[in-house]
N, C-alpha and C. Protein backbone atom coordinates (compact mmCIF):
# COMPACT_ATOMS: atom_id res chain seq x y z
N MET A 1 151.47 94.20 32.92
CA MET A 1 152.12 94.05 31.64
C MET A 1 153.63 94.02 31.82
N ALA A 2 154.30 93.13 31.11
CA ALA A 2 155.75 93.04 31.17
C ALA A 2 156.39 94.13 30.32
N LEU A 3 157.60 94.49 30.70
CA LEU A 3 158.35 95.47 29.93
C LEU A 3 158.50 94.99 28.50
N GLY A 4 158.19 95.81 27.55
CA GLY A 4 158.33 95.43 26.15
C GLY A 4 157.04 94.97 25.50
N ASP A 5 155.97 94.80 26.28
CA ASP A 5 154.69 94.43 25.67
C ASP A 5 154.20 95.58 24.79
N ILE A 6 153.60 95.23 23.69
CA ILE A 6 153.04 96.23 22.78
C ILE A 6 151.63 96.54 23.24
N THR A 7 151.37 97.80 23.46
CA THR A 7 150.06 98.23 23.96
C THR A 7 149.19 98.75 22.82
N THR A 8 147.93 98.90 23.09
CA THR A 8 147.04 99.50 22.09
C THR A 8 147.45 100.94 21.82
N THR A 9 148.00 101.61 22.83
CA THR A 9 148.50 102.97 22.63
C THR A 9 149.64 102.96 21.62
N ASP A 10 150.54 101.97 21.72
CA ASP A 10 151.63 101.84 20.75
C ASP A 10 151.08 101.65 19.35
N LEU A 11 150.16 100.70 19.20
CA LEU A 11 149.59 100.40 17.89
C LEU A 11 148.89 101.61 17.28
N ASN A 12 148.10 102.29 18.09
CA ASN A 12 147.40 103.49 17.61
C ASN A 12 148.40 104.59 17.23
N GLY A 13 149.46 104.72 18.02
CA GLY A 13 150.48 105.72 17.72
C GLY A 13 151.20 105.43 16.41
N TRP A 14 151.50 104.15 16.17
CA TRP A 14 152.16 103.76 14.92
C TRP A 14 151.26 104.03 13.72
N GLN A 15 149.97 103.73 13.87
CA GLN A 15 149.03 104.01 12.78
C GLN A 15 148.91 105.52 12.55
N TYR A 16 148.87 106.28 13.61
CA TYR A 16 148.76 107.73 13.48
C TYR A 16 149.98 108.30 12.76
N ARG A 17 151.15 107.79 13.08
CA ARG A 17 152.37 108.23 12.41
C ARG A 17 152.31 107.87 10.92
N ALA A 18 151.82 106.67 10.61
CA ALA A 18 151.69 106.24 9.21
C ALA A 18 150.70 107.12 8.45
N ILE A 19 149.63 107.55 9.12
CA ILE A 19 148.65 108.43 8.49
C ILE A 19 149.32 109.75 8.10
N SER A 20 150.17 110.26 8.95
CA SER A 20 150.88 111.50 8.66
C SER A 20 151.79 111.33 7.45
N VAL A 21 152.51 110.21 7.38
CA VAL A 21 153.38 109.94 6.23
C VAL A 21 152.54 109.78 4.97
N LEU A 22 151.45 109.04 5.06
CA LEU A 22 150.58 108.85 3.90
C LEU A 22 150.03 110.18 3.41
N ASP A 23 149.64 111.04 4.33
CA ASP A 23 149.15 112.36 3.96
C ASP A 23 150.21 113.11 3.15
N SER A 24 151.44 113.06 3.58
CA SER A 24 152.50 113.78 2.85
C SER A 24 152.78 113.13 1.50
N LEU A 25 152.68 111.80 1.41
CA LEU A 25 152.90 111.11 0.13
C LEU A 25 151.80 111.45 -0.87
N VAL A 26 150.57 111.46 -0.41
CA VAL A 26 149.44 111.77 -1.31
C VAL A 26 149.52 113.22 -1.77
N LYS A 27 149.86 114.13 -0.86
CA LYS A 27 149.99 115.54 -1.25
C LYS A 27 151.11 115.72 -2.28
N ALA A 28 152.25 115.06 -2.06
CA ALA A 28 153.37 115.15 -3.00
C ALA A 28 152.99 114.53 -4.34
N GLY A 29 152.26 113.41 -4.31
CA GLY A 29 151.80 112.78 -5.54
C GLY A 29 150.84 113.67 -6.31
N LEU A 30 149.96 114.33 -5.60
CA LEU A 30 149.01 115.25 -6.23
C LEU A 30 149.76 116.41 -6.89
N LYS A 31 150.71 116.97 -6.16
CA LYS A 31 151.48 118.10 -6.69
C LYS A 31 152.28 117.69 -7.93
N ALA A 32 152.84 116.47 -7.93
CA ALA A 32 153.65 115.98 -9.06
C ALA A 32 152.79 115.35 -10.15
N GLU A 33 151.47 115.33 -9.95
CA GLU A 33 150.53 114.69 -10.88
C GLU A 33 150.89 113.22 -11.11
N ARG A 34 151.28 112.57 -10.02
CA ARG A 34 151.63 111.16 -10.05
C ARG A 34 150.36 110.32 -9.93
N TYR A 35 150.29 109.22 -10.66
CA TYR A 35 149.11 108.36 -10.61
C TYR A 35 148.96 107.80 -9.19
N PRO A 36 147.76 107.87 -8.59
CA PRO A 36 147.59 107.43 -7.20
C PRO A 36 147.61 105.91 -7.06
N LEU A 37 147.97 105.48 -5.87
CA LEU A 37 147.95 104.06 -5.51
C LEU A 37 146.77 103.81 -4.58
N ASP A 38 146.39 102.54 -4.44
CA ASP A 38 145.45 102.13 -3.40
C ASP A 38 146.29 101.89 -2.15
N TRP A 39 146.04 102.64 -1.09
CA TRP A 39 146.86 102.56 0.12
C TRP A 39 146.12 101.85 1.25
N THR A 40 146.88 101.11 2.04
CA THR A 40 146.38 100.44 3.23
C THR A 40 147.36 100.74 4.37
N ILE A 41 146.84 100.94 5.56
CA ILE A 41 147.68 101.08 6.75
C ILE A 41 147.39 99.88 7.66
N THR A 42 148.44 99.15 8.00
CA THR A 42 148.27 97.96 8.84
C THR A 42 148.16 98.35 10.31
N SER A 43 147.78 97.39 11.14
CA SER A 43 147.64 97.68 12.57
C SER A 43 148.96 98.00 13.24
N ASN A 44 150.08 97.60 12.64
CA ASN A 44 151.38 97.94 13.23
C ASN A 44 151.99 99.19 12.59
N GLY A 45 151.20 99.92 11.80
CA GLY A 45 151.64 101.19 11.27
C GLY A 45 152.45 101.11 9.99
N ALA A 46 152.38 100.01 9.27
CA ALA A 46 153.07 99.91 7.98
C ALA A 46 152.13 100.35 6.87
N LEU A 47 152.71 100.90 5.81
CA LEU A 47 151.93 101.32 4.64
C LEU A 47 152.06 100.28 3.54
N ARG A 48 151.01 100.12 2.77
CA ARG A 48 151.04 99.24 1.61
C ARG A 48 150.35 99.97 0.47
N GLY A 49 151.13 100.26 -0.56
CA GLY A 49 150.60 100.92 -1.74
C GLY A 49 150.53 99.94 -2.89
N GLN A 50 149.39 99.87 -3.55
CA GLN A 50 149.22 98.93 -4.65
C GLN A 50 148.66 99.66 -5.86
N VAL A 51 149.26 99.36 -7.02
CA VAL A 51 148.71 99.87 -8.27
C VAL A 51 147.39 99.14 -8.47
N SER A 52 146.31 99.87 -8.60
CA SER A 52 144.98 99.29 -8.64
C SER A 52 144.83 98.28 -9.78
N VAL A 53 144.27 97.12 -9.44
CA VAL A 53 143.97 96.12 -10.47
C VAL A 53 142.77 96.57 -11.30
N LEU A 54 142.02 97.54 -10.82
CA LEU A 54 140.87 98.06 -11.55
C LEU A 54 141.23 99.27 -12.40
N SER A 55 142.51 99.58 -12.44
CA SER A 55 142.98 100.74 -13.20
C SER A 55 142.71 100.57 -14.69
N PRO A 56 142.35 101.65 -15.37
CA PRO A 56 142.14 101.57 -16.82
C PRO A 56 143.46 101.57 -17.60
N LEU A 57 144.59 101.61 -16.89
CA LEU A 57 145.90 101.66 -17.53
C LEU A 57 146.29 100.31 -18.11
N SER A 58 147.12 100.35 -19.14
CA SER A 58 147.67 99.11 -19.70
C SER A 58 148.67 98.51 -18.71
N THR A 59 149.03 97.27 -18.92
CA THR A 59 150.01 96.61 -18.06
C THR A 59 151.33 97.39 -18.05
N ASP A 60 151.78 97.84 -19.22
CA ASP A 60 153.03 98.61 -19.28
C ASP A 60 152.91 99.92 -18.50
N ASP A 61 151.76 100.60 -18.61
CA ASP A 61 151.56 101.84 -17.88
C ASP A 61 151.49 101.59 -16.37
N ARG A 62 150.83 100.51 -15.97
CA ARG A 62 150.76 100.15 -14.55
C ARG A 62 152.16 99.87 -14.01
N ARG A 63 152.96 99.18 -14.82
CA ARG A 63 154.35 98.91 -14.42
C ARG A 63 155.12 100.23 -14.28
N GLY A 64 154.87 101.17 -15.19
CA GLY A 64 155.51 102.48 -15.10
C GLY A 64 155.14 103.23 -13.84
N VAL A 65 153.87 103.15 -13.44
CA VAL A 65 153.41 103.78 -12.20
C VAL A 65 154.14 103.16 -11.01
N PHE A 66 154.21 101.83 -11.00
CA PHE A 66 154.91 101.12 -9.93
C PHE A 66 156.37 101.56 -9.85
N GLU A 67 157.05 101.59 -10.99
CA GLU A 67 158.47 101.96 -11.02
C GLU A 67 158.68 103.40 -10.58
N GLU A 68 157.75 104.30 -10.95
CA GLU A 68 157.88 105.70 -10.53
C GLU A 68 157.76 105.82 -9.01
N TRP A 69 156.78 105.14 -8.41
CA TRP A 69 156.63 105.18 -6.95
C TRP A 69 157.85 104.55 -6.28
N CYS A 70 158.38 103.47 -6.85
CA CYS A 70 159.59 102.86 -6.29
C CYS A 70 160.73 103.87 -6.27
N ARG A 71 160.88 104.60 -7.35
CA ARG A 71 161.96 105.59 -7.46
C ARG A 71 161.74 106.72 -6.46
N VAL A 72 160.53 107.24 -6.40
CA VAL A 72 160.22 108.36 -5.50
C VAL A 72 160.45 107.97 -4.04
N LEU A 73 160.10 106.75 -3.68
CA LEU A 73 160.23 106.30 -2.28
C LEU A 73 161.56 105.62 -1.99
N ASN A 74 162.45 105.62 -2.99
CA ASN A 74 163.75 104.96 -2.83
C ASN A 74 163.56 103.53 -2.31
N ALA A 75 162.64 102.82 -2.93
CA ALA A 75 162.30 101.46 -2.51
C ALA A 75 163.38 100.47 -2.96
N SER A 76 163.35 99.31 -2.36
CA SER A 76 164.28 98.25 -2.72
C SER A 76 164.02 97.76 -4.14
N GLN A 77 164.97 97.01 -4.65
CA GLN A 77 164.78 96.37 -5.95
C GLN A 77 163.54 95.47 -5.86
N PRO A 78 162.58 95.59 -6.78
CA PRO A 78 161.37 94.77 -6.70
C PRO A 78 161.68 93.28 -6.75
N ARG A 79 160.95 92.54 -5.94
CA ARG A 79 161.04 91.08 -5.91
C ARG A 79 159.84 90.54 -6.67
N GLU A 80 160.07 89.56 -7.50
CA GLU A 80 159.00 88.97 -8.30
C GLU A 80 158.61 87.61 -7.73
N SER A 81 157.31 87.38 -7.60
CA SER A 81 156.83 86.08 -7.13
C SER A 81 155.61 85.68 -7.96
N LYS A 82 155.37 84.37 -8.02
CA LYS A 82 154.21 83.87 -8.74
C LYS A 82 152.99 83.96 -7.84
N ARG A 83 151.87 84.39 -8.41
CA ARG A 83 150.62 84.45 -7.67
C ARG A 83 149.92 83.11 -7.77
N PHE A 84 149.23 82.72 -6.73
CA PHE A 84 148.51 81.45 -6.69
C PHE A 84 147.50 81.36 -7.83
N GLU A 85 146.81 82.47 -8.10
CA GLU A 85 145.76 82.47 -9.12
C GLU A 85 146.31 82.75 -10.52
N GLY A 86 147.61 82.77 -10.65
CA GLY A 86 148.25 83.02 -11.94
C GLY A 86 148.78 84.43 -12.02
N GLY A 87 149.72 84.63 -12.90
CA GLY A 87 150.34 85.94 -13.03
C GLY A 87 151.49 86.09 -12.05
N ILE A 88 151.99 87.30 -11.97
CA ILE A 88 153.10 87.58 -11.07
C ILE A 88 152.79 88.77 -10.19
N ARG A 89 153.53 88.88 -9.10
CA ARG A 89 153.43 90.01 -8.18
C ARG A 89 154.82 90.59 -8.01
N LEU A 90 154.91 91.90 -8.20
CA LEU A 90 156.14 92.62 -7.91
C LEU A 90 155.95 93.31 -6.57
N THR A 91 156.94 93.18 -5.68
CA THR A 91 156.88 93.80 -4.36
C THR A 91 158.21 94.49 -4.08
N ALA A 92 158.13 95.72 -3.65
CA ALA A 92 159.32 96.47 -3.23
C ALA A 92 159.03 97.07 -1.86
N VAL A 93 160.03 97.16 -1.01
CA VAL A 93 159.85 97.70 0.33
C VAL A 93 160.57 99.05 0.44
N PHE A 94 160.06 99.87 1.35
CA PHE A 94 160.66 101.19 1.57
C PHE A 94 160.53 101.57 3.04
N LYS A 95 161.33 102.55 3.43
CA LYS A 95 161.24 103.16 4.76
C LYS A 95 161.15 104.65 4.56
N HIS A 96 160.27 105.27 5.32
CA HIS A 96 160.11 106.73 5.27
C HIS A 96 160.44 107.26 6.67
N PRO A 97 161.51 108.06 6.78
CA PRO A 97 161.91 108.53 8.11
C PRO A 97 160.94 109.58 8.67
N THR A 98 160.74 109.51 9.97
CA THR A 98 159.99 110.54 10.70
C THR A 98 160.80 110.87 11.94
N ASN A 99 160.38 111.88 12.67
CA ASN A 99 161.10 112.24 13.90
C ASN A 99 160.85 111.24 15.03
N ARG A 100 159.96 110.27 14.83
CA ARG A 100 159.68 109.24 15.84
C ARG A 100 159.99 107.84 15.33
N GLY A 101 160.88 107.75 14.36
CA GLY A 101 161.25 106.45 13.79
C GLY A 101 160.72 106.31 12.37
N ASP A 102 161.22 105.28 11.70
CA ASP A 102 160.83 105.04 10.31
C ASP A 102 159.44 104.42 10.21
N VAL A 103 158.71 104.83 9.19
CA VAL A 103 157.48 104.14 8.80
C VAL A 103 157.88 103.22 7.65
N GLN A 104 157.60 101.94 7.81
CA GLN A 104 157.95 100.97 6.78
C GLN A 104 156.76 100.73 5.88
N GLY A 105 157.06 100.30 4.67
CA GLY A 105 155.98 100.05 3.75
C GLY A 105 156.40 99.18 2.60
N SER A 106 155.42 98.85 1.79
CA SER A 106 155.67 98.05 0.59
C SER A 106 154.84 98.61 -0.56
N LEU A 107 155.34 98.37 -1.75
CA LEU A 107 154.64 98.72 -2.98
C LEU A 107 154.37 97.42 -3.72
N VAL A 108 153.18 97.28 -4.29
CA VAL A 108 152.78 96.03 -4.91
C VAL A 108 152.18 96.29 -6.29
N LEU A 109 152.55 95.41 -7.22
CA LEU A 109 151.94 95.42 -8.56
C LEU A 109 151.64 93.98 -8.93
N ASP A 110 150.37 93.68 -9.17
CA ASP A 110 149.95 92.37 -9.66
C ASP A 110 149.77 92.45 -11.16
N ILE A 111 150.38 91.49 -11.85
CA ILE A 111 150.31 91.46 -13.32
C ILE A 111 149.74 90.12 -13.75
N ASP A 112 148.67 90.18 -14.53
CA ASP A 112 148.12 88.97 -15.12
C ASP A 112 148.92 88.66 -16.37
N LEU A 113 149.28 87.39 -16.53
CA LEU A 113 150.01 86.99 -17.72
C LEU A 113 149.04 86.85 -18.88
N PRO A 114 149.51 87.12 -20.10
CA PRO A 114 148.62 86.95 -21.25
C PRO A 114 148.17 85.49 -21.37
N LEU A 115 146.96 85.31 -21.85
CA LEU A 115 146.44 83.97 -22.05
C LEU A 115 147.16 83.30 -23.23
N ASP A 116 147.42 82.00 -23.10
CA ASP A 116 147.95 81.31 -24.27
C ASP A 116 146.78 81.05 -25.23
N GLU A 117 147.06 80.53 -26.41
CA GLU A 117 146.02 80.40 -27.45
C GLU A 117 144.84 79.54 -26.99
N ASP A 118 145.10 78.40 -26.32
CA ASP A 118 144.02 77.53 -25.86
C ASP A 118 143.14 78.24 -24.83
N ASP A 119 143.77 78.95 -23.89
CA ASP A 119 143.01 79.68 -22.88
C ASP A 119 142.18 80.79 -23.53
N GLN A 120 142.74 81.48 -24.52
CA GLN A 120 142.04 82.56 -25.20
C GLN A 120 140.81 82.01 -25.94
N GLU A 121 140.96 80.85 -26.58
CA GLU A 121 139.82 80.23 -27.28
C GLU A 121 138.72 79.88 -26.28
N ASP A 122 139.10 79.32 -25.12
CA ASP A 122 138.11 78.99 -24.09
C ASP A 122 137.42 80.25 -23.59
N ALA A 123 138.17 81.34 -23.39
CA ALA A 123 137.58 82.59 -22.93
C ALA A 123 136.64 83.17 -23.97
N ASP A 124 137.02 83.08 -25.23
CA ASP A 124 136.16 83.59 -26.30
C ASP A 124 134.84 82.84 -26.41
N ARG A 125 134.87 81.53 -26.12
CA ARG A 125 133.64 80.72 -26.17
C ARG A 125 132.73 80.98 -24.98
N GLY A 126 133.30 81.57 -23.93
CA GLY A 126 132.47 81.92 -22.79
C GLY A 126 132.42 80.90 -21.77
């Protein structure tokens, strides 16, 4: 292996570090009674938190959850993009420091746009 190659030990170590950060985030969220996110840890040790699309919350409440997590994690200003299937996606990135380097992550909120009148009529007809 050449100097600088990423090994499976590196990848596993990065994921393990992310698990530790996620554990502390979930514990802090529980203590603060913060609405939980759906979390994913990537193979390179990055975290991805998403406000659940299956949440019983209203769109405004889901946006509030997203904004609260952005504030708590000192995330970047959210970037808005159009989703292929319609609606928009808000994405903000954050870094969480550890004694072995930063764990990077992103926060995601998918928002479905309201149906226009023609689409609503089609949906009502089934």
